[in-house]
C-alpha atoms as a PDB file:
ATOM      1  CA  UNK A   1       0.000   0.000   0.000  1.00  0.00           C
ATOM      2  CA  UNK A   2       1.404   3.360  -1.040  1.00  0.00           C
ATOM      3  CA  UNK A   3       0.528   6.454   1.053  1.00  0.00           C
ATOM      4  CA  UNK A   4       0.305   9.784  -0.704  1.00  0.00           C
ATOM      5  CA  UNK A   5       2.465  12.691   0.425  1.00  0.00           C
ATOM      6  CA  UNK A   6       0.473  15.874  -0.130  1.00  0.00           C
ATOM      7  CA  UNK A   7       2.904  18.725  -0.538  1.00  0.00           C
ATOM      8  CA  UNK A   8       1.954  21.664  -2.748  1.00  0.00           C
ATOM      9  CA  UNK A   9       5.000  22.816  -4.706  1.00  0.00           C
ATOM     10  CA  UNK A  10       5.077  26.542  -5.258  1.00  0.00           C
ATOM     11  CA  UNK A  11       6.878  28.012  -8.188  1.00  0.00           C
ATOM     12  CA  UNK A  12      10.258  28.451  -6.557  1.00  0.00           C
ATOM     13  CA  UNK A  13      13.738  27.407  -7.461  1.00  0.00           C
ATOM     14  CA  UNK A  14      14.306  26.479  -3.827  1.00  0.00           C
ATOM     15  CA  UNK A  15      11.931  23.477  -4.112  1.00  0.00           C
ATOM     16  CA  UNK A  16      12.988  20.348  -6.058  1.00  0.00           C
ATOM     17  CA  UNK A  17       9.682  19.585  -7.763  1.00  0.00           C
ATOM     18  CA  UNK A  18      10.856  16.250  -9.144  1.00  0.00           C
ATOM     19  CA  UNK A  19      11.912  14.784  -5.833  1.00  0.00           C
ATOM     20  CA  UNK A  20       8.728  16.028  -4.196  1.00  0.00           C
ATOM     21  CA  UNK A  21       6.715  14.409  -6.957  1.00  0.00           C
ATOM     22  CA  UNK A  22       8.673  11.163  -6.664  1.00  0.00           C
ATOM     23  CA  UNK A  23       8.228  10.971  -2.909  1.00  0.00           C
ATOM     24  CA  UNK A  24       4.624  12.035  -3.204  1.00  0.00           C
ATOM     25  CA  UNK A  25       4.025   9.247  -5.677  1.00  0.00           C
ATOM     26  CA  UNK A  26       6.049   6.687  -3.770  1.00  0.00           C
ATOM     27  CA  UNK A  27       6.738   7.590  -0.084  1.00  0.00           C
ATOM     28  CA  UNK A  28       8.589   4.276   0.375  1.00  0.00           C
ATOM     29  CA  UNK A  29      11.281   5.623  -1.929  1.00  0.00           C
ATOM     30  CA  UNK A  30      12.922   7.416   0.978  1.00  0.00           C
ATOM     31  CA  UNK A  31      13.539   4.083   2.736  1.00  0.00           C
ATOM     32  CA  UNK A  32      15.298   2.507  -0.232  1.00  0.00           C
ATOM     33  CA  UNK A  33      17.375   5.558  -1.057  1.00  0.00           C
ATOM     34  CA  UNK A  34      18.516   7.608   1.933  1.00  0.00           C
ATOM     35  CA  UNK A  35      19.526  10.557  -0.231  1.00  0.00           C
ATOM     36  CA  UNK A  36      15.981  10.808  -1.537  1.00  0.00           C
ATOM     37  CA  UNK A  37      14.693  11.719   1.951  1.00  0.00           C
ATOM     38  CA  UNK A  38      17.382  14.344   2.414  1.00  0.00           C
ATOM     39  CA  UNK A  39      16.447  15.863  -0.943  1.00  0.00           C
ATOM     40  CA  UNK A  40      12.766  15.600  -0.098  1.00  0.00           C
ATOM     41  CA  UNK A  41      13.294  17.102   3.378  1.00  0.00           C
ATOM     42  CA  UNK A  42      15.244  20.021   1.907  1.00  0.00           C
ATOM     43  CA  UNK A  43      12.481  20.578  -0.638  1.00  0.00           C
ATOM     44  CA  UNK A  44       9.790  20.538   2.068  1.00  0.00           C
ATOM     45  CA  UNK A  45      11.908  22.715   4.362  1.00  0.00           C
ATOM     46  CA  UNK A  46      12.438  25.159   1.507  1.00  0.00           C
ATOM     47  CA  UNK A  47       8.683  25.383   1.113  1.00  0.00           C
ATOM     48  CA  UNK A  48       8.159  26.041   4.851  1.00  0.00           C
ATOM     49  CA  UNK A  49      10.815  28.745   4.685  1.00  0.00           C
ATOM     50  CA  UNK A  50       8.659  30.602   2.185  1.00  0.00           C
ATOM     51  CA  UNK A  51       5.998  30.983   4.918  1.00  0.00           C
ATOM     52  CA  UNK A  52       6.090  34.349   6.696  1.00  0.00           C
ATOM     53  CA  UNK A  53       4.406  33.650  10.055  1.00  0.00           C
ATOM     54  CA  UNK A  54       1.878  36.254  11.136  1.00  0.00           C
ATOM     55  CA  UNK A  55       0.014  35.567  14.372  1.00  0.00           C
ATOM     56  CA  UNK A  56      -1.659  38.971  14.488  1.00  0.00           C
ATOM     57  CA  UNK A  57      -4.351  37.932  12.017  1.00  0.00           C
ATOM     58  CA  UNK A  58      -6.677  34.956  11.748  1.00  0.00           C
ATOM     59  CA  UNK A  59      -5.504  34.290   8.199  1.00  0.00           C
ATOM     60  CA  UNK A  60      -1.857  34.282   9.251  1.00  0.00           C
ATOM     61  CA  UNK A  61      -2.513  31.919  12.135  1.00  0.00           C
ATOM     62  CA  UNK A  62      -4.454  29.568   9.830  1.00  0.00           C
ATOM     63  CA  UNK A  63      -1.579  29.629   7.296  1.00  0.00           C
ATOM     64  CA  UNK A  64       0.875  28.563  10.013  1.00  0.00           C
ATOM     65  CA  UNK A  65      -1.418  25.788  11.177  1.00  0.00           C
ATOM     66  CA  UNK A  66      -1.997  24.632   7.552  1.00  0.00           C
ATOM     67  CA  UNK A  67       1.726  24.475   6.781  1.00  0.00           C
ATOM     68  CA  UNK A  68       2.422  22.535   9.981  1.00  0.00           C
ATOM     69  CA  UNK A  69      -0.405  20.179   9.070  1.00  0.00           C
ATOM     70  CA  UNK A  70       1.067  19.572   5.604  1.00  0.00           C
ATOM     71  CA  UNK A  71       4.412  18.691   7.137  1.00  0.00           C
ATOM     72  CA  UNK A  72       2.633  16.391   9.554  1.00  0.00           C
ATOM     73  CA  UNK A  73       0.888  14.714   6.595  1.00  0.00           C
ATOM     74  CA  UNK A  74       4.258  14.086   4.954  1.00  0.00           C
ATOM     75  CA  UNK A  75       5.499  12.559   8.200  1.00  0.00           C
ATOM     76  CA  UNK A  76       2.384  10.387   8.438  1.00  0.00           C
ATOM     77  CA  UNK A  77       2.589   9.259   4.785  1.00  0.00           C
ATOM     78  CA  UNK A  78       6.266   8.363   5.033  1.00  0.00           C
ATOM     79  CA  UNK A  79       5.736   6.713   8.393  1.00  0.00           C
ATOM     80  CA  UNK A  80       2.839   4.692   7.008  1.00  0.00           C
ATOM     81  CA  UNK A  81       4.959   3.742   3.964  1.00  0.00           C
ATOM     82  CA  UNK A  82       7.711   2.656   6.318  1.00  0.00           C
ATOM     83  CA  UNK A  83       5.235   0.538   8.225  1.00  0.00           C
ATOM     84  CA  UNK A  84       4.220  -1.104   4.930  1.00  0.00           C
ATOM     85  CA  UNK A  85       7.815  -1.823   3.994  1.00  0.00           C
ATOM     86  CA  UNK A  86       8.385  -3.154   7.469  1.00  0.00           C
ATOM     87  CA  UNK A  87       5.510  -5.567   6.980  1.00  0.00           C
ATOM     88  CA  UNK A  88       6.771  -6.564   3.507  1.00  0.00           C
ATOM     89  CA  UNK A  89      10.430  -6.815   4.508  1.00  0.00           C
ATOM     90  CA  UNK A  90      10.924  -8.072   8.026  1.00  0.00           C
ATOM     91  CA  UNK A  91      14.597  -8.690   7.260  1.00  0.00           C
ATOM     92  CA  UNK A  92      15.306  -4.962   6.898  1.00  0.00           C
ATOM     93  CA  UNK A  93      13.025  -3.922   9.755  1.00  0.00           C
ATOM     94  CA  UNK A  94      15.806  -2.587  11.935  1.00  0.00           C
ATOM     95  CA  UNK A  95      17.179  -0.427   9.124  1.00  0.00           C
ATOM     96  CA  UNK A  96      13.758   0.825   8.194  1.00  0.00           C
ATOM     97  CA  UNK A  97      12.766   1.534  11.809  1.00  0.00           C
ATOM     98  CA  UNK A  98      15.962   3.455  12.354  1.00  0.00           C
ATOM     99  CA  UNK A  99      15.255   5.446   9.216  1.00  0.00           C
ATOM    100  CA  UNK A 100      11.670   5.925  10.322  1.00  0.00           C
ATOM    101  CA  UNK A 101      12.736   7.274  13.666  1.00  0.00           C
ATOM    102  CA  UNK A 102      15.272   9.558  12.061  1.00  0.00           C
ATOM    103  CA  UNK A 103      12.816  10.865   9.531  1.00  0.00           C
ATOM    104  CA  UNK A 104      10.120  11.219  12.159  1.00  0.00           C
ATOM    105  CA  UNK A 105      12.428  13.227  14.391  1.00  0.00           C
ATOM    106  CA  UNK A 106      13.521  15.499  11.575  1.00  0.00           C
ATOM    107  CA  UNK A 107       9.999  16.068  10.315  1.00  0.00           C
ATOM    108  CA  UNK A 108       8.662  16.552  13.838  1.00  0.00           C
ATOM    109  CA  UNK A 109      11.436  19.014  14.508  1.00  0.00           C
ATOM    110  CA  UNK A 110      10.584  20.808  11.278  1.00  0.00           C
ATOM    111  CA  UNK A 111       6.925  20.731  12.187  1.00  0.00           C
ATOM    112  CA  UNK A 112       7.696  22.185  15.605  1.00  0.00           C
ATOM    113  CA  UNK A 113       9.925  24.811  13.997  1.00  0.00           C
ATOM    114  CA  UNK A 114       7.146  25.829  11.646  1.00  0.00           C
ATOM    115  CA  UNK A 115       4.551  25.878  14.425  1.00  0.00           C
ATOM    116  CA  UNK A 116       6.807  27.596  16.982  1.00  0.00           C
ATOM    117  CA  UNK A 117       5.497  31.154  16.306  1.00  0.00           C
ATOM    118  CA  UNK A 118       1.944  29.911  16.637  1.00  0.00           C
ATOM    119  CA  UNK A 119       2.760  27.956  19.798  1.00  0.00           C
ATOM    120  CA  UNK A 120       4.443  31.024  21.211  1.00  0.00           C
ATOM    121  CA  UNK A 121       1.413  33.123  20.342  1.00  0.00           C
ATOM    122  CA  UNK A 122      -0.913  30.492  21.901  1.00  0.00           C
ATOM    123  CA  UNK A 123       1.159  30.460  25.109  1.00  0.00           C
ATOM    124  CA  UNK A 124       1.159  34.239  25.228  1.00  0.00           C
ATOM    125  CA  UNK A 125      -2.610  34.240  24.798  1.00  0.00           C
ATOM    126  CA  UNK A 126      -2.964  31.654  27.571  1.00  0.00           C
ATOM    127  CA  UNK A 127      -0.748  33.744  29.851  1.00  0.00           C
ATOM    128  CA  UNK A 128      -2.759  36.865  29.015  1.00  0.00           C
ATOM    129  CA  UNK A 129      -5.989  34.953  29.643  1.00  0.00           C
ATOM    130  CA  UNK A 130      -4.660  33.688  32.973  1.00  0.00           C
ATOM    131  CA  UNK A 131      -3.652  37.217  33.968  1.00  0.00           C
ATOM    132  CA  UNK A 132      -7.049  38.484  32.856  1.00  0.00           C
ATOM    133  CA  UNK A 133      -8.725  35.847  35.049  1.00  0.00           C
ATOM    134  CA  UNK A 134      -6.611  37.012  37.980  1.00  0.00           C
ATOM    135  CA  UNK A 135      -7.595  40.620  37.293  1.00  0.00           C
ATOM    136  CA  UNK A 136     -11.290  39.724  37.096  1.00  0.00           C
ATOM    137  CA  UNK A 137     -10.964  37.700  40.290  1.00  0.00           C
ATOM    138  CA  UNK A 138      -9.520  40.802  41.934  1.00  0.00           C
ATOM    139  CA  UNK A 139     -12.386  42.880  40.549  1.00  0.00           C
ATOM    140  CA  UNK A 140     -14.890  40.427  42.026  1.00  0.00           C
ATOM    141  CA  UNK A 141     -13.000  40.474  45.322  1.00  0.00           C
ATOM    142  CA  UNK A 142     -13.102  44.286  45.436  1.00  0.00           C
ATOM    143  CA  UNK A 143     -16.905  44.076  45.196  1.00  0.00           C
ATOM    144  CA  UNK A 144     -17.012  42.053  48.447  1.00  0.00           C
ATOM    145  CA  UNK A 145     -16.758  44.549  51.312  1.00  0.00           C
ATOM    146  CA  UNK A 146     -15.581  42.901  54.542  1.00  0.00           C
ATOM    147  CA  UNK A 147     -17.887  43.157  57.580  1.00  0.00           C
ATOM    148  CA  UNK A 148     -15.068  44.770  59.566  1.00  0.00           C
ATOM    149  CA  UNK A 149     -14.084  47.197  56.797  1.00  0.00           C
ATOM    150  CA  UNK A 150     -13.318  50.826  57.667  1.00  0.00           C
ATOM    151  CA  UNK A 151     -13.466  53.993  55.591  1.00  0.00           C
ATOM    152  CA  UNK A 152      -9.664  53.873  55.405  1.00  0.00           C
ATOM    153  CA  UNK A 153      -9.534  50.278  54.098  1.00  0.00           C
ATOM    154  CA  UNK A 154     -12.347  50.942  51.578  1.00  0.00           C
ATOM    155  CA  UNK A 155     -10.671  54.156  50.431  1.00  0.00           C
ATOM    156  CA  UNK A 156      -7.442  52.209  49.903  1.00  0.00           C
ATOM    157  CA  UNK A 157      -9.372  49.592  47.884  1.00  0.00           C
ATOM    158  CA  UNK A 158     -10.846  52.340  45.693  1.00  0.00           C
ATOM    159  CA  UNK A 159      -7.356  53.654  44.976  1.00  0.00           C
ATOM    160  CA  UNK A 160      -6.051  50.177  44.134  1.00  0.00           C
ATOM    161  CA  UNK A 161      -9.107  49.502  41.971  1.00  0.00           C
ATOM    162  CA  UNK A 162      -8.516  52.741  40.050  1.00  0.00           C
ATOM    163  CA  UNK A 163      -4.984  51.556  39.248  1.00  0.00           C
ATOM    164  CA  UNK A 164      -6.315  48.506  37.359  1.00  0.00           C
ATOM    165  CA  UNK A 165      -6.464  49.267  33.612  1.00  0.00           C
ATOM    166  CA  UNK A 166      -9.002  47.434  31.462  1.00  0.00           C
ATOM    167  CA  UNK A 167      -7.711  47.406  27.856  1.00  0.00           C
ATOM    168  CA  UNK A 168     -10.033  46.240  25.090  1.00  0.00           C
ATOM    169  CA  UNK A 169      -7.166  44.731  23.077  1.00  0.00           C
ATOM    170  CA  UNK A 170      -5.875  42.828  26.096  1.00  0.00           C
ATOM    171  CA  UNK A 171      -9.227  41.479  27.324  1.00  0.00           C
ATOM    172  CA  UNK A 172     -10.765  40.808  23.910  1.00  0.00           C
ATOM    173  CA  UNK A 173     -14.076  38.998  24.310  1.00  0.00           C
ATOM    174  CA  UNK A 174     -13.928  39.504  28.098  1.00  0.00           C
ATOM    175  CA  UNK A 175     -13.595  43.293  27.760  1.00  0.00           C
ATOM    176  CA  UNK A 176     -17.276  44.043  28.412  1.00  0.00           C
ATOM    177  CA  UNK A 177     -17.333  41.663  31.398  1.00  0.00           C
ATOM    178  CA  UNK A 178     -14.158  43.200  32.848  1.00  0.00           C
ATOM    179  CA  UNK A 179     -15.515  46.743  32.387  1.00  0.00           C
ATOM    180  CA  UNK A 180     -18.770  45.703  34.059  1.00  0.00           C
ATOM    181  CA  UNK A 181     -16.936  44.140  37.018  1.00  0.00           C
ATOM    182  CA  UNK A 182     -14.746  47.237  37.372  1.00  0.00           C
ATOM    183  CA  UNK A 183     -17.706  49.624  37.321  1.00  0.00           C
ATOM    184  CA  UNK A 184     -19.737  47.420  39.681  1.00  0.00           C
ATOM    185  CA  UNK A 185     -16.872  47.133  42.168  1.00  0.00           C
ATOM    186  CA  UNK A 186     -16.329  50.912  41.979  1.00  0.00           C
ATOM    187  CA  UNK A 187     -19.998  51.627  42.696  1.00  0.00           C
ATOM    188  CA  UNK A 188     -20.101  49.126  45.576  1.00  0.00           C
ATOM    189  CA  UNK A 189     -16.929  50.504  47.161  1.00  0.00           C
ATOM    190  CA  UNK A 190     -18.054  54.135  46.772  1.00  0.00           C
ATOM    191  CA  UNK A 191     -21.412  53.310  48.360  1.00  0.00           C
ATOM    192  CA  UNK A 192     -19.655  51.422  51.162  1.00  0.00           C
ATOM    193  CA  UNK A 193     -17.275  54.356  51.697  1.00  0.00           C
ATOM    194  CA  UNK A 194     -20.173  56.801  51.974  1.00  0.00           C
ATOM    195  CA  UNK A 195     -21.975  54.492  54.403  1.00  0.00           C
ATOM    196  CA  UNK A 196     -18.878  53.889  56.521  1.00  0.00           C
ATOM    197  CA  UNK A 197     -18.054  57.603  56.660  1.00  0.00           C
ATOM    198  CA  UNK A 198     -21.539  58.290  58.006  1.00  0.00           C
ATOM    199  CA  UNK A 199     -21.336  55.409  60.484  1.00  0.00           C
ATOM    200  CA  UNK A 200     -17.871  56.450  61.654  1.00  0.00           C
ATOM    201  CA  UNK A 201     -19.003  60.066  61.965  1.00  0.00           C
ATOM    202  CA  UNK A 202     -21.967  58.887  64.030  1.00  0.00           C
ATOM    203  CA  UNK A 203     -19.714  56.753  66.193  1.00  0.00           C
ATOM    204  CA  UNK A 204     -17.290  59.663  66.584  1.00  0.00           C
ATOM    205  CA  UNK A 205     -20.178  61.914  67.681  1.00  0.00           C
ATOM    206  CA  UNK A 206     -21.379  59.260  70.129  1.00  0.00           C
ATOM    207  CA  UNK A 207     -17.835  58.904  71.381  1.00  0.00           C
ATOM    208  CA  UNK A 208     -17.617  62.660  71.940  1.00  0.00           C
ATOM    209  CA  UNK A 209     -20.951  62.630  73.775  1.00  0.00           C
ATOM    210  CA  UNK A 210     -19.822  59.669  75.836  1.00  0.00           C
ATOM    211  CA  UNK A 211     -16.563  61.420  76.691  1.00  0.00           C
ATOM    212  CA  UNK A 212     -18.469  64.605  77.585  1.00  0.00           C
ATOM    213  CA  UNK A 213     -20.849  62.594  79.780  1.00  0.00           C
ATOM    214  CA  UNK A 214     -17.932  60.773  81.368  1.00  0.00           C
ATOM    215  CA  UNK A 215     -16.155  64.102  82.002  1.00  0.00           C
ATOM    216  CA  UNK A 216     -19.315  65.580  83.499  1.00  0.00           C
ATOM    217  CA  UNK A 217     -19.895  62.471  85.598  1.00  0.00           C
ATOM    218  CA  UNK A 218     -16.290  62.581  86.733  1.00  0.00           C
ATOM    219  CA  UNK A 219     -16.624  66.259  87.626  1.00  0.00           C
ATOM    220  CA  UNK A 220     -19.857  65.574  89.517  1.00  0.00           C
ATOM    221  CA  UNK A 221     -18.230  62.636  91.278  1.00  0.00           C
ATOM    222  CA  UNK A 222     -15.261  64.783  92.254  1.00  0.00           C
ATOM    223  CA  UNK A 223     -17.612  67.500  93.532  1.00  0.00           C
ATOM    224  CA  UNK A 224     -19.571  64.883  95.476  1.00  0.00           C
ATOM    225  CA  UNK A 225     -16.328  63.504  96.875  1.00  0.00           C
ATOM    226  CA  UNK A 226     -15.284  67.005  97.920  1.00  0.00           C
ATOM    227  CA  UNK A 227     -18.689  67.570  99.527  1.00  0.00           C
ATOM    228  CA  UNK A 228     -18.492  64.261 101.355  1.00  0.00           C
ATOM    229  CA  UNK A 229     -14.911  65.026 102.356  1.00  0.00           C
ATOM    230  CA  UNK A 230     -16.012  68.405 103.726  1.00  0.00           C
ATOM    231  CA  UNK A 231     -18.895  66.762 105.564  1.00  0.00           C
ATOM    232  CA  UNK A 232     -16.507  64.188 106.980  1.00  0.00           C
ATOM    233  CA  UNK A 233     -14.105  66.971 107.981  1.00  0.00           C
ATOM    234  CA  UNK A 234     -16.850  68.969 109.706  1.00  0.00           C
ATOM    235  CA  UNK A 235     -18.169  65.803 111.309  1.00  0.00           C
ATOM    236  CA  UNK A 236     -14.669  64.867 112.428  1.00  0.00           C
ATOM    237  CA  UNK A 237     -14.095  68.322 113.891  1.00  0.00           C
ATOM    238  CA  UNK A 238     -17.490  68.198 115.589  1.00  0.00           C
ATOM    239  CA  UNK A 239     -16.771  64.715 116.915  1.00  0.00           C
ATOM    240  CA  UNK A 240     -13.319  65.878 118.022  1.00  0.00           C
ATOM    241  CA  UNK A 241     -14.840  68.863 119.820  1.00  0.00           C
ATOM    242  CA  UNK A 242     -17.423  66.636 121.452  1.00  0.00           C
ATOM    243  CA  UNK A 243     -14.733  64.162 122.427  1.00  0.00           C
ATOM    244  CA  UNK A 244     -12.607  67.015 123.817  1.00  0.00           C
ATOM    245  CA  UNK A 245     -15.604  68.336 125.712  1.00  0.00           C
ATOM    246  CA  UNK A 246     -16.329  64.839 126.974  1.00  0.00           C
ATOM    247  CA  UNK A 247     -12.683  64.425 127.993  1.00  0.00           C
ATOM    248  CA  UNK A 248     -12.784  67.764 129.825  1.00  0.00           C
ATOM    249  CA  UNK A 249     -16.053  66.787 131.504  1.00  0.00           C
ATOM    250  CA  UNK A 250     -14.572  63.413 132.401  1.00  0.00           C
ATOM    251  CA  UNK A 251     -11.430  65.074 133.712  1.00  0.00           C
ATOM    252  CA  UNK A 252     -13.568  67.497 135.755  1.00  0.00           C
ATOM    253  CA  UNK A 253     -15.709  64.649 136.974  1.00  0.00           C
ATOM    254  CA  UNK A 254     -12.611  62.683 137.854  1.00  0.00           C
ATOM    255  CA  UNK A 255     -11.106  65.745 139.589  1.00  0.00           C
ATOM    256  CA  UNK A 256     -14.320  66.279 141.520  1.00  0.00           C
ATOM    257  CA  UNK A 257     -14.509  62.583 142.282  1.00  0.00           C
ATOM    258  CA  UNK A 258     -10.856  62.626 143.320  1.00  0.00           C
ATOM    259  CA  UNK A 259     -11.476  65.698 145.499  1.00  0.00           C
ATOM    260  CA  UNK A 260     -14.559  64.071 146.977  1.00  0.00           C
ATOM    261  CA  UNK A 261     -12.625  60.859 147.505  1.00  0.00           C
ATOM    262  CA  UNK A 262      -9.787  62.863 149.044  1.00  0.00           C
ATOM    263  CA  UNK A 263     -12.316  64.609 151.297  1.00  0.00           C
ATOM    264  CA  UNK A 264     -13.864  61.265 152.193  1.00  0.00           C
ATOM    265  CA  UNK A 265     -10.436  59.738 152.702  1.00  0.00           C
ATOM    266  CA  UNK A 266      -9.416  62.687 154.860  1.00  0.00           C
ATOM    267  CA  UNK A 267     -12.665  62.434 156.777  1.00  0.00           C
ATOM    268  CA  UNK A 268     -12.137  58.732 157.144  1.00  0.00           C
ATOM    269  CA  UNK A 269      -8.544  59.357 158.173  1.00  0.00           C
ATOM    270  CA  UNK A 270      -9.593  61.909 160.722  1.00  0.00           C
ATOM    271  CA  UNK A 271     -12.378  59.668 161.865  1.00  0.00           C
ATOM    272  CA  UNK A 272      -9.947  56.808 162.148  1.00  0.00           C
ATOM    273  CA  UNK A 273      -7.533  59.005 164.041  1.00  0.00           C
ATOM    274  CA  UNK A 274     -10.371  60.093 166.268  1.00  0.00           C
ATOM    275  CA  UNK A 275     -11.457  56.534 166.638  1.00  0.00           C
ATOM    276  CA  UNK A 276      -7.906  55.488 167.401  1.00  0.00           C
ATOM    277  CA  UNK A 277      -7.672  58.329 169.900  1.00  0.00           C
ATOM    278  CA  UNK A 278     -10.985  57.283 171.431  1.00  0.00           C
ATOM    279  CA  UNK A 279      -9.856  53.637 171.496  1.00  0.00           C
ATOM    280  CA  UNK A 280      -6.579  54.676 173.022  1.00  0.00           C
ATOM    281  CA  UNK A 281      -8.410  56.807 175.549  1.00  0.00           C
ATOM    282  CA  UNK A 282     -10.714  53.925 176.307  1.00  0.00           C
ATOM    283  CA  UNK A 283      -7.758  51.613 176.555  1.00  0.00           C
ATOM    284  CA  UNK A 284      -5.912  54.050 178.752  1.00  0.00           C
ATOM    285  CA  UNK A 285      -9.023  54.533 180.855  1.00  0.00           C
ATOM    286  CA  UNK A 286      -9.533  50.797 181.013  1.00  0.00           C
ATOM    287  CA  UNK A 287      -5.856  50.347 181.835  1.00  0.00           C
ATOM    288  CA  UNK A 288      -6.073  53.078 184.456  1.00  0.00           C
ATOM    289  CA  UNK A 289      -9.179  51.477 185.831  1.00  0.00           C
ATOM    290  CA  UNK A 290      -7.484  48.102 185.723  1.00  0.00           C
ATOM    291  CA  UNK A 291      -4.421  49.501 187.422  1.00  0.00           C
ATOM    292  CA  UNK A 292      -6.613  51.311 189.882  1.00  0.00           C
ATOM    293  CA  UNK A 293      -8.559  48.160 190.495  1.00  0.00           C
ATOM    294  CA  UNK A 294      -5.342  46.161 190.722  1.00  0.00           C
ATOM    295  CA  UNK A 295      -3.884  48.771 193.069  1.00  0.00           C
ATOM    296  CA  UNK A 296      -6.985  48.653 195.160  1.00  0.00           C
ATOM    297  CA  UNK A 297      -6.853  44.865 195.123  1.00  0.00           C
ATOM    298  CA  UNK A 298      -3.196  44.833 195.978  1.00  0.00           C
ATOM    299  CA  UNK A 299      -3.772  47.417 198.598  1.00  0.00           C
ATOM    300  CA  UNK A 300      -6.585  45.347 200.042  1.00  0.00           C
ATOM    301  CA  UNK A 301      -4.446  42.167 199.956  1.00  0.00           C
ATOM    302  CA  UNK A 302      -1.512  43.971 201.548  1.00  0.00           C
ATOM    303  CA  UNK A 303      -3.788  45.571 204.077  1.00  0.00           C
ATOM    304  CA  UNK A 304      -5.232  42.224 204.873  1.00  0.00           C
ATOM    305  CA  UNK A 305      -1.724  40.714 205.145  1.00  0.00           C
ATOM    306  CA  UNK A 306      -0.556  43.624 207.400  1.00  0.00           C
ATOM    307  CA  UNK A 307      -3.599  43.258 209.559  1.00  0.00           C
ATOM    308  CA  UNK A 308      -2.959  39.520 209.722  1.00  0.00           C
ATOM    309  CA  UNK A 309       0.632  40.075 210.885  1.00  0.00           C
ATOM    310  CA  UNK A 310      -0.470  42.656 213.346  1.00  0.00           C
ATOM    311  CA  UNK A 311      -2.910  40.201 214.744  1.00  0.00           C
ATOM    312  CA  UNK A 312      -0.047  38.011 215.701  1.00  0.00           C
ATOM    313  CA  UNK A 313       0.524  40.574 218.498  1.00  0.00           C
ATOM    314  CA  UNK A 314       4.077  41.117 217.937  1.00  0.00           C
ATOM    315  CA  UNK A 315       4.204  43.614 215.034  1.00  0.00           C
ATOM    316  CA  UNK A 316       2.852  47.061 214.628  1.00  0.00           C
ATOM    317  CA  UNK A 317       1.429  48.289 211.362  1.00  0.00           C
ATOM    318  CA  UNK A 318       4.745  49.751 210.168  1.00  0.00           C
ATOM    319  CA  UNK A 319       6.609  46.542 210.845  1.00  0.00           C
ATOM    320  CA  UNK A 320       3.953  44.434 209.307  1.00  0.00           C
ATOM    321  CA  UNK A 321       3.870  46.668 206.195  1.00  0.00           C
ATOM    322  CA  UNK A 322       7.681  46.473 205.907  1.00  0.00           C
ATOM    323  CA  UNK A 323       7.525  42.665 205.917  1.00  0.00           C
ATOM    324  CA  UNK A 324       4.764  42.511 203.346  1.00  0.00           C
ATOM    325  CA  UNK A 325       6.645  44.990 201.127  1.00  0.00           C
ATOM    326  CA  UNK A 326       9.819  42.886 201.432  1.00  0.00           C
ATOM    327  CA  UNK A 327       7.816  39.759 200.439  1.00  0.00           C
ATOM    328  CA  UNK A 328       6.123  41.553 197.542  1.00  0.00           C
ATOM    329  CA  UNK A 329       9.485  42.745 196.174  1.00  0.00           C
ATOM    330  CA  UNK A 330      10.910  39.192 196.339  1.00  0.00           C
ATOM    331  CA  UNK A 331      13.485  40.061 198.962  1.00  0.00           C
ATOM    332  CA  UNK A 332      12.414  37.157 201.034  1.00  0.00           C
ATOM    333  CA  UNK A 333      12.893  33.849 199.173  1.00  0.00           C
ATOM    334  CA  UNK A 334      10.356  31.095 199.033  1.00  0.00           C
ATOM    335  CA  UNK A 335       7.590  33.427 200.229  1.00  0.00           C
ATOM    336  CA  UNK A 336       5.142  35.250 197.937  1.00  0.00           C
ATOM    337  CA  UNK A 337       1.855  37.049 198.147  1.00  0.00           C
ATOM    338  CA  UNK A 338      -0.979  35.901 195.856  1.00  0.00           C
ATOM    339  CA  UNK A 339      -2.939  38.894 194.621  1.00  0.00           C
END
C-alpha cells in the first residue's frame, strides 16, 4: 500500500519539484534511497521557509497551522509507507525503523519549527488569559466589602481599583465583562465608603458625647467627693470637739470625784484618828481602871496581910507593912503574896 504525500510545490527554485513528486508518488522511496529523503526534506523545508508567520491575524494563524499540518501529513505518509515496507520486509526492519525514527524526528522538529510562532502566540494568549482571570478575580474580590471594613480600608481599595487598567485589546471577548466588574466594584466601594463615613461620623459623635458625659460624671463625682470630704471633715471636727468636751467633763468629773474621795479619805482618816484616839483613851481609861482596880486589890491584899501580921501581936502596922513589902518585892525567898 502506497501512502500519498500531499505537498503543494510553489513556483520556486528552492523546491525540487521532481523529488517532491517522486516521494509524493512513492513515499517508500525514501527508505530505499537515503539521499531521496534528504532531498525531499530540503524541498519541504524550503517550502516552509517561504511561509512568513503572522500571528496577528486569523488568516496568518491559519496559514501557520496549515503548513504545519502539511508537514505532519508528509510525516504520516512516510511513516505509514515505512510501516508497509516493514511488513513486507521483516529482514530490513531494523534499518527501516531506524530510518523511520530519524525521519520522524527530523519532520517533527521541522513541524515544531514551523509551528513555533503559533505555539508562542498560543502560550502568550494563555498567559494573558490567565492574567485576565486574575484581574477579574480581583475585581470580584473588590466588590465584596468585609464586615469589619473601615473607611480607610475601603478608600485604599478604591485607589487600588482605580490603578487597574481594562484594555479592550488585552481582554478581547472579556472586555465588556471586565468593564462591568470594574464599574460594579467601583460603585459598591463608593457606596460602602459613603456608608462607613456616616457610620464612623456617628460613632465619633457618640464617642464625643460619651466622653463629655464621662467628664461631666467625673466632675460631679469629684464635687460629690469634695462635699463628702467636707462633711466628713466637719463631722470629724465636731466629733473631736465633742470628744474634747467629753474628755474635759470626764477630767472634771474625775477631779471632783478625786477631790470628793480625798475629802472622804481625809474624813475617814480623821475619823480613824479620832477613833484610834478614842480607842486609846478607852484603853488608857480601862488600863487606868485596871491599874486602879489592881492597886486597890493589891492594897486590900496587903492591908489584909498587914492586919494579919499585926494580929499576931508582935508587930505594929509599920513593921507588918515592911515585911509585906519585902515579900512583895521578892526580897524574902520562898515566900510570895498571891494577889
